[in-house]
Amino acid sequence: MSAVKETIEELLAIVGVEADYRNASLTLLENGNSRYVRDLKLNFTSTLTSAHLSEKECALLALSIAVNNNNTVLTNFFEKQALAKEATAEEVAEAAGCASLLALNNVFYRFRHFTGKEKYTQIPARVRMQLMSSPVTGKEFFELMSIAVSAVNGCEMCVNAHENSILGLGATEERIFDAVRIASIVTSAGKIIY
């Protein structure tokens, strides 16, 4: 067995997928004997660790990104990880809800930002955002999930607003950085495992 095939099978085992599972992306990497598979596996296994976030927080952040990215395989994996790290069903649901709510906000506020028209900032948004008012995961952590989703979705206005909020709540830039690092790794893995 080639080293690439073996690494693919190890990665699939980590996320709970059968060793013979293949999709177009995995097949391309395997057929090309790509060294990238090793990097992908090492990057992915690092998502659950952080000096600034708990293991539960890492899993919930990753879950929110997997939901945001419509990735069923990684959503299932990170839901199991979050529950194994003692996340409640309510916290898991909030991670999923955060992804949906921020997708809405990112489109809406990115539009306002792109157009730069004062008129659009004066028209009421007429969208419900009660989830943000008293999150079960706590305001600071909900904001961390929000900035991670906003970074993935490319909303500069939301990223800046959430960063200001997080720092105002007393969090460190290291927590923010790790949240976005996790988001980038989950997004990267989702291009290959889906």
Protein backbone atom coordinates (compact mmCIF):
# COMPACT_ATOMS: atom_id res chain seq x y z
CA MET A 1 0.00 0.00 0.00
CA SER A 2 1.32 3.44 -0.89
CA ALA A 3 2.06 5.96 1.86
CA VAL A 4 -0.56 8.31 0.41
CA LYS A 5 -3.28 5.64 0.43
CA GLU A 6 -2.33 4.70 3.98
CA THR A 7 -2.51 8.35 5.11
CA ILE A 8 -5.90 8.78 3.41
CA GLU A 9 -7.20 5.72 5.23
CA GLU A 10 -5.84 7.03 8.55
CA LEU A 11 -7.54 10.37 7.98
CA LEU A 12 -10.81 8.68 7.05
CA ALA A 13 -10.60 6.55 10.20
CA ILE A 14 -10.18 9.68 12.32
CA VAL A 15 -13.42 11.16 10.97
CA GLY A 16 -15.25 7.84 11.16
CA VAL A 17 -15.51 7.08 7.45
CA GLU A 18 -14.84 3.66 5.89
CA ALA A 19 -11.30 3.18 4.56
CA ASP A 20 -12.54 2.56 1.02
CA TYR A 21 -14.55 5.81 0.87
CA ARG A 22 -13.48 8.01 -2.02
CA ASN A 23 -14.79 11.15 -3.66
CA ALA A 24 -13.41 13.14 -6.58
CA SER A 25 -10.98 15.15 -4.43
CA LEU A 26 -9.57 12.16 -2.54
CA THR A 27 -9.20 10.24 -5.78
CA LEU A 28 -7.23 13.08 -7.38
CA LEU A 29 -4.86 13.22 -4.41
CA GLU A 30 -4.46 9.45 -4.30
CA ASN A 31 -3.96 9.01 -8.06
CA GLY A 32 -1.38 11.79 -8.05
CA ASN A 33 0.40 10.32 -5.03
CA SER A 34 0.12 13.77 -3.46
CA ARG A 35 2.33 14.62 -0.50
CA TYR A 36 -0.37 17.11 0.53
CA VAL A 37 -2.38 14.29 2.14
CA ARG A 38 0.14 14.15 4.98
CA ASP A 39 -0.14 17.92 5.57
CA LEU A 40 -3.93 17.69 5.49
CA LYS A 41 -3.92 14.93 8.11
CA LEU A 42 -1.49 16.81 10.38
CA ASN A 43 -3.42 20.06 10.01
CA PHE A 44 -6.73 18.35 10.69
CA THR A 45 -5.56 16.52 13.80
CA SER A 46 -4.34 19.84 15.20
CA THR A 47 -7.85 21.37 15.09
CA LEU A 48 -8.84 19.86 18.40
CA THR A 49 -6.00 21.42 20.34
CA SER A 50 -5.29 24.97 21.41
CA ALA A 51 -3.42 26.62 24.23
CA HIS A 52 -6.18 29.27 24.34
CA LEU A 53 -9.39 27.27 23.80
CA SER A 54 -10.71 24.23 25.63
CA GLU A 55 -11.18 20.97 23.74
CA LYS A 56 -14.94 21.48 23.96
CA GLU A 57 -14.61 24.99 22.51
CA CYS A 58 -12.42 23.67 19.67
CA ALA A 59 -15.01 21.01 18.83
CA LEU A 60 -17.94 23.46 18.96
CA LEU A 61 -16.09 25.98 16.78
CA ALA A 62 -15.23 23.27 14.27
CA LEU A 63 -18.84 22.06 14.32
CA SER A 64 -20.13 25.54 13.55
CA ILE A 65 -17.77 25.78 10.58
CA ALA A 66 -18.68 22.30 9.30
CA VAL A 67 -22.37 23.27 9.44
CA ASN A 68 -21.62 26.59 7.75
CA ASN A 69 -19.82 24.72 4.98
CA ASN A 70 -22.65 22.17 4.52
CA ASN A 71 -20.25 19.30 5.19
CA THR A 72 -22.17 16.31 6.52
CA VAL A 73 -19.13 14.12 7.21
CA LEU A 74 -17.36 16.77 9.28
CA THR A 75 -20.59 17.94 10.94
CA ASN A 76 -21.20 14.40 12.20
CA PHE A 77 -17.58 14.07 13.32
CA PHE A 78 -17.45 17.36 15.22
CA GLU A 79 -20.86 16.82 16.80
CA LYS A 80 -19.53 13.56 18.27
CA GLN A 81 -16.34 15.33 19.35
CA ALA A 82 -18.27 18.14 21.05
CA LEU A 83 -20.52 15.69 22.90
CA ALA A 84 -17.49 13.62 23.93
CA LYS A 85 -15.98 16.81 25.39
CA GLU A 86 -19.15 17.31 27.47
CA ALA A 87 -20.93 19.85 25.30
CA THR A 88 -24.67 19.82 25.93
CA ALA A 89 -27.26 19.25 23.23
CA GLU A 90 -28.16 22.94 23.61
CA GLU A 91 -24.54 24.01 22.99
CA VAL A 92 -24.33 21.76 19.94
CA ALA A 93 -27.58 23.22 18.62
CA GLU A 94 -26.27 26.73 19.26
CA ALA A 95 -23.12 26.01 17.22
CA ALA A 96 -25.36 24.98 14.31
CA GLY A 97 -27.66 27.96 14.84
CA CYS A 98 -24.69 30.31 14.92
CA ALA A 99 -23.60 29.08 11.50
CA SER A 100 -27.03 29.77 10.04
CA LEU A 101 -27.49 33.15 11.72
CA LEU A 102 -24.04 34.35 10.70
CA ALA A 103 -24.58 33.20 7.11
CA LEU A 104 -27.59 35.51 7.09
CA ASN A 105 -25.70 38.38 8.70
CA ASN A 106 -22.65 37.93 6.51
CA VAL A 107 -24.66 38.22 3.29
CA PHE A 108 -26.68 41.16 4.60
CA TYR A 109 -23.83 43.18 6.09
CA ARG A 110 -21.42 42.35 3.29
CA PHE A 111 -24.01 43.81 0.89
CA ARG A 112 -24.25 46.98 2.97
CA HIS A 113 -20.47 47.23 3.11
CA PHE A 114 -19.97 46.58 -0.61
CA THR A 115 -22.48 49.17 -1.72
CA GLY A 116 -21.28 51.79 0.74
CA LYS A 117 -24.64 53.56 0.49
CA GLU A 118 -25.88 55.32 3.62
CA LYS A 119 -29.47 54.62 2.54
CA TYR A 120 -29.03 50.86 3.11
CA THR A 121 -27.84 51.43 6.68
CA GLN A 122 -31.01 53.42 7.41
CA ILE A 123 -33.46 50.74 6.23
CA PRO A 124 -34.35 48.32 9.07
CA ALA A 125 -32.91 44.84 8.59
CA ARG A 126 -36.09 43.11 9.78
CA VAL A 127 -34.26 39.90 10.73
CA ARG A 128 -34.46 38.08 14.06
CA MET A 129 -31.22 37.52 15.97
CA GLN A 130 -32.42 36.44 19.43
CA LEU A 131 -29.83 33.68 19.50
CA MET A 132 -27.15 36.35 19.98
CA SER A 133 -28.83 38.02 22.94
CA SER A 134 -28.26 35.33 25.59
CA PRO A 135 -26.35 32.39 24.13
CA VAL A 136 -26.05 29.19 26.17
CA THR A 137 -22.34 29.03 25.30
CA GLY A 138 -21.81 32.50 26.74
CA LYS A 139 -21.49 35.81 24.93
CA GLU A 140 -17.71 35.72 24.47
CA PHE A 141 -17.66 32.20 23.02
CA PHE A 142 -20.66 32.87 20.78
CA GLU A 143 -18.77 35.88 19.43
CA LEU A 144 -15.74 33.62 18.79
CA MET A 145 -17.90 31.26 16.74
CA SER A 146 -19.37 34.29 14.98
CA ILE A 147 -16.00 35.72 13.98
CA ALA A 148 -14.86 32.31 12.74
CA VAL A 149 -17.94 31.88 10.52
CA SER A 150 -17.64 35.49 9.34
CA ALA A 151 -14.00 34.97 8.39
CA VAL A 152 -14.91 31.86 6.37
CA ASN A 153 -17.76 33.74 4.68
CA GLY A 154 -15.55 36.74 3.89
CA CYS A 155 -17.51 39.47 5.65
CA GLU A 156 -15.03 42.19 6.63
CA MET A 157 -17.66 44.27 8.41
CA CYS A 158 -18.76 41.32 10.58
CA VAL A 159 -15.20 40.21 11.32
CA ASN A 160 -14.33 43.70 12.57
CA ALA A 161 -17.53 44.03 14.61
CA HIS A 162 -17.10 40.63 16.25
CA GLU A 163 -13.41 41.24 16.98
CA ASN A 164 -14.26 44.50 18.73
CA SER A 165 -16.99 42.77 20.71
CA ILE A 166 -14.73 39.87 21.72
CA LEU A 167 -11.90 42.15 22.84
CA GLY A 168 -14.44 44.29 24.70
CA LEU A 169 -15.55 41.19 26.58
CA GLY A 170 -11.98 40.66 27.77
CA ALA A 171 -10.86 37.90 25.43
CA THR A 172 -7.36 37.79 23.99
CA GLU A 173 -6.22 38.04 20.41
CA GLU A 174 -4.79 34.54 20.82
CA ARG A 175 -8.30 33.13 21.37
CA ILE A 176 -9.52 34.95 18.28
CA PHE A 177 -6.54 33.76 16.23
CA ASP A 178 -7.06 30.13 17.26
CA ALA A 179 -10.78 30.31 16.46
CA VAL A 180 -10.01 31.52 12.95
CA ARG A 181 -7.17 28.99 12.58
CA ILE A 182 -9.61 26.19 13.41
CA ALA A 183 -12.12 27.61 10.92
CA SER A 184 -9.50 27.65 8.18
CA ILE A 185 -8.41 24.07 8.84
CA VAL A 186 -11.97 22.72 8.92
CA THR A 187 -12.72 24.57 5.68
CA SER A 188 -9.58 23.14 4.10
CA ALA A 189 -10.39 19.58 5.19
CA GLY A 190 -13.91 19.98 3.88
CA LYS A 191 -12.60 20.48 0.35
CA ILE A 192 -11.23 16.93 0.49
CA ILE A 193 -13.58 15.08 2.87
CA TYR A 194 -17.28 15.61 2.13
